Amino acid sequence: VMSPYRRQVTEIRRQLQEARLLDLQVSSIDAFQGREVDVALLSCVRSGKEKNLGFVSDVRRMNVALTRARRSLIVLGNSSVL
């Protein structure tokens, strides 16, 4: 699981720990640079407010996020904004 937002990473980790799903990696997009995983889930859920992409509009950061998955990439977000 990747997110461009540190606080969102913290919250995702907390919820996964509560659900006892401790074997999932959750990090910021920047922390995933140089690593690959078989399946990646990219959270862009904060991109839907006021049609503002925020960190998601950074081309370099999105390049890192979109190229970390070897087999499958799942992107969560507002489709009309993305």
C-alpha atoms as a PDB file:
ATOM      1  CA  VAL A   1       0.000   0.000   0.000  1.00  0.00           C
ATOM      2  CA  MET A   2       1.367   3.419  -1.013  1.00  0.00           C
ATOM      3  CA  SER A   3       0.168   6.884  -0.173  1.00  0.00           C
ATOM      4  CA  PRO A   4       1.668  10.293  -0.832  1.00  0.00           C
ATOM      5  CA  TYR A   5       0.558  11.396   2.658  1.00  0.00           C
ATOM      6  CA  ARG A   6       2.420  10.475   5.854  1.00  0.00           C
ATOM      7  CA  ARG A   7      -0.661  10.767   8.074  1.00  0.00           C
ATOM      8  CA  GLN A   8      -2.625   8.500   5.751  1.00  0.00           C
ATOM      9  CA  VAL A   9       0.192   5.913   5.904  1.00  0.00           C
ATOM     10  CA  THR A  10       0.027   6.043   9.704  1.00  0.00           C
ATOM     11  CA  GLU A  11      -3.756   5.579   9.696  1.00  0.00           C
ATOM     12  CA  ILE A  12      -3.655   2.702   7.180  1.00  0.00           C
ATOM     13  CA  ARG A  13      -1.006   0.940   9.300  1.00  0.00           C
ATOM     14  CA  ARG A  14      -3.121   1.418  12.445  1.00  0.00           C
ATOM     15  CA  GLN A  15      -6.220  -0.025  10.797  1.00  0.00           C
ATOM     16  CA  LEU A  16      -4.317  -2.979   9.319  1.00  0.00           C
ATOM     17  CA  GLN A  17      -2.814  -3.705  12.728  1.00  0.00           C
ATOM     18  CA  GLU A  18      -6.305  -3.695  14.271  1.00  0.00           C
ATOM     19  CA  ALA A  19      -7.402  -6.145  11.563  1.00  0.00           C
ATOM     20  CA  ARG A  20      -4.276  -8.254  12.270  1.00  0.00           C
ATOM     21  CA  LEU A  21      -3.030  -7.886   8.692  1.00  0.00           C
ATOM     22  CA  LEU A  22       0.556  -7.350   9.779  1.00  0.00           C
ATOM     23  CA  ASP A  23       2.298  -8.811   6.736  1.00  0.00           C
ATOM     24  CA  LEU A  24       1.302  -5.973   4.374  1.00  0.00           C
ATOM     25  CA  GLN A  25       3.808  -3.230   3.548  1.00  0.00           C
ATOM     26  CA  VAL A  26       2.501   0.309   3.941  1.00  0.00           C
ATOM     27  CA  SER A  27       4.754   3.246   3.065  1.00  0.00           C
ATOM     28  CA  SER A  28       4.849   6.642   1.479  1.00  0.00           C
ATOM     29  CA  ILE A  29       5.464   6.815  -2.251  1.00  0.00           C
ATOM     30  CA  ASP A  30       8.918   8.247  -1.586  1.00  0.00           C
ATOM     31  CA  ALA A  31       9.814   5.247   0.633  1.00  0.00           C
ATOM     32  CA  PHE A  32       8.917   2.858  -2.217  1.00  0.00           C
ATOM     33  CA  GLN A  33      11.463   4.408  -4.575  1.00  0.00           C
ATOM     34  CA  GLY A  34      13.940   1.748  -5.710  1.00  0.00           C
ATOM     35  CA  ARG A  35      11.704  -1.139  -4.548  1.00  0.00           C
ATOM     36  CA  GLU A  36       9.272  -3.363  -6.409  1.00  0.00           C
ATOM     37  CA  VAL A  37       6.361  -5.475  -5.198  1.00  0.00           C
ATOM     38  CA  ASP A  38       4.155  -7.983  -7.007  1.00  0.00           C
ATOM     39  CA  VAL A  39       0.926  -6.116  -6.206  1.00  0.00           C
ATOM     40  CA  ALA A  40       0.684  -2.449  -5.263  1.00  0.00           C
ATOM     41  CA  LEU A  41      -2.294  -0.468  -4.044  1.00  0.00           C
ATOM     42  CA  LEU A  42      -1.973   3.291  -4.545  1.00  0.00           C
ATOM     43  CA  SER A  43      -4.200   5.458  -2.391  1.00  0.00           C
ATOM     44  CA  CYS A  44      -5.115   8.770  -4.017  1.00  0.00           C
ATOM     45  CA  VAL A  45      -8.284   9.232  -2.000  1.00  0.00           C
ATOM     46  CA  ARG A  46      -7.421  12.782  -0.910  1.00  0.00           C
ATOM     47  CA  SER A  47      -7.213  13.882  -4.539  1.00  0.00           C
ATOM     48  CA  GLY A  48     -10.983  14.370  -4.827  1.00  0.00           C
ATOM     49  CA  LYS A  49     -11.394  17.599  -2.875  1.00  0.00           C
ATOM     50  CA  GLU A  50     -12.100  20.645  -5.014  1.00  0.00           C
ATOM     51  CA  LYS A  51     -10.624  18.965  -8.108  1.00  0.00           C
ATOM     52  CA  ASN A  52      -7.139  19.473  -6.616  1.00  0.00           C
ATOM     53  CA  LEU A  53      -4.592  16.702  -7.122  1.00  0.00           C
ATOM     54  CA  GLY A  54      -2.052  17.918  -4.558  1.00  0.00           C
ATOM     55  CA  PHE A  55       0.929  15.560  -4.337  1.00  0.00           C
ATOM     56  CA  VAL A  56      -0.583  13.374  -7.051  1.00  0.00           C
ATOM     57  CA  SER A  57       0.170  16.104  -9.605  1.00  0.00           C
ATOM     58  CA  ASP A  58       3.955  15.686  -9.043  1.00  0.00           C
ATOM     59  CA  VAL A  59       5.043  13.774 -12.171  1.00  0.00           C
ATOM     60  CA  ARG A  60       8.184  12.297 -10.558  1.00  0.00           C
ATOM     61  CA  ARG A  61       6.310  11.061  -7.505  1.00  0.00           C
ATOM     62  CA  MET A  62       3.578   9.517  -9.665  1.00  0.00           C
ATOM     63  CA  ASN A  63       6.207   7.850 -11.882  1.00  0.00           C
ATOM     64  CA  VAL A  64       7.602   6.135  -8.790  1.00  0.00           C
ATOM     65  CA  ALA A  65       4.110   5.117  -7.630  1.00  0.00           C
ATOM     66  CA  LEU A  66       2.981   3.766 -10.987  1.00  0.00           C
ATOM     67  CA  THR A  67       6.109   1.707 -11.646  1.00  0.00           C
ATOM     68  CA  ARG A  68       6.492  -0.182  -8.334  1.00  0.00           C
ATOM     69  CA  ALA A  69       4.163  -3.085  -9.181  1.00  0.00           C
ATOM     70  CA  ARG A  70       5.492  -6.096 -11.080  1.00  0.00           C
ATOM     71  CA  ARG A  71       2.110  -7.707 -11.783  1.00  0.00           C
ATOM     72  CA  SER A  72      -0.841  -5.586 -10.625  1.00  0.00           C
ATOM     73  CA  LEU A  73      -1.459  -1.982  -9.652  1.00  0.00           C
ATOM     74  CA  ILE A  74      -4.698  -0.919  -7.984  1.00  0.00           C
ATOM     75  CA  VAL A  75      -5.363   2.820  -7.810  1.00  0.00           C
ATOM     76  CA  LEU A  76      -7.978   4.130  -5.374  1.00  0.00           C
ATOM     77  CA  GLY A  77      -9.260   7.641  -5.928  1.00  0.00           C
ATOM     78  CA  ASN A  78     -11.844   9.890  -7.493  1.00  0.00           C
ATOM     79  CA  SER A  79     -11.924   8.809 -11.141  1.00  0.00           C
ATOM     80  CA  SER A  80     -13.285  12.134 -12.408  1.00  0.00           C
ATOM     81  CA  VAL A  81     -10.341  13.965 -10.835  1.00  0.00           C
ATOM     82  CA  LEU A  82      -7.674  11.415 -11.719  1.00  0.00           C
END
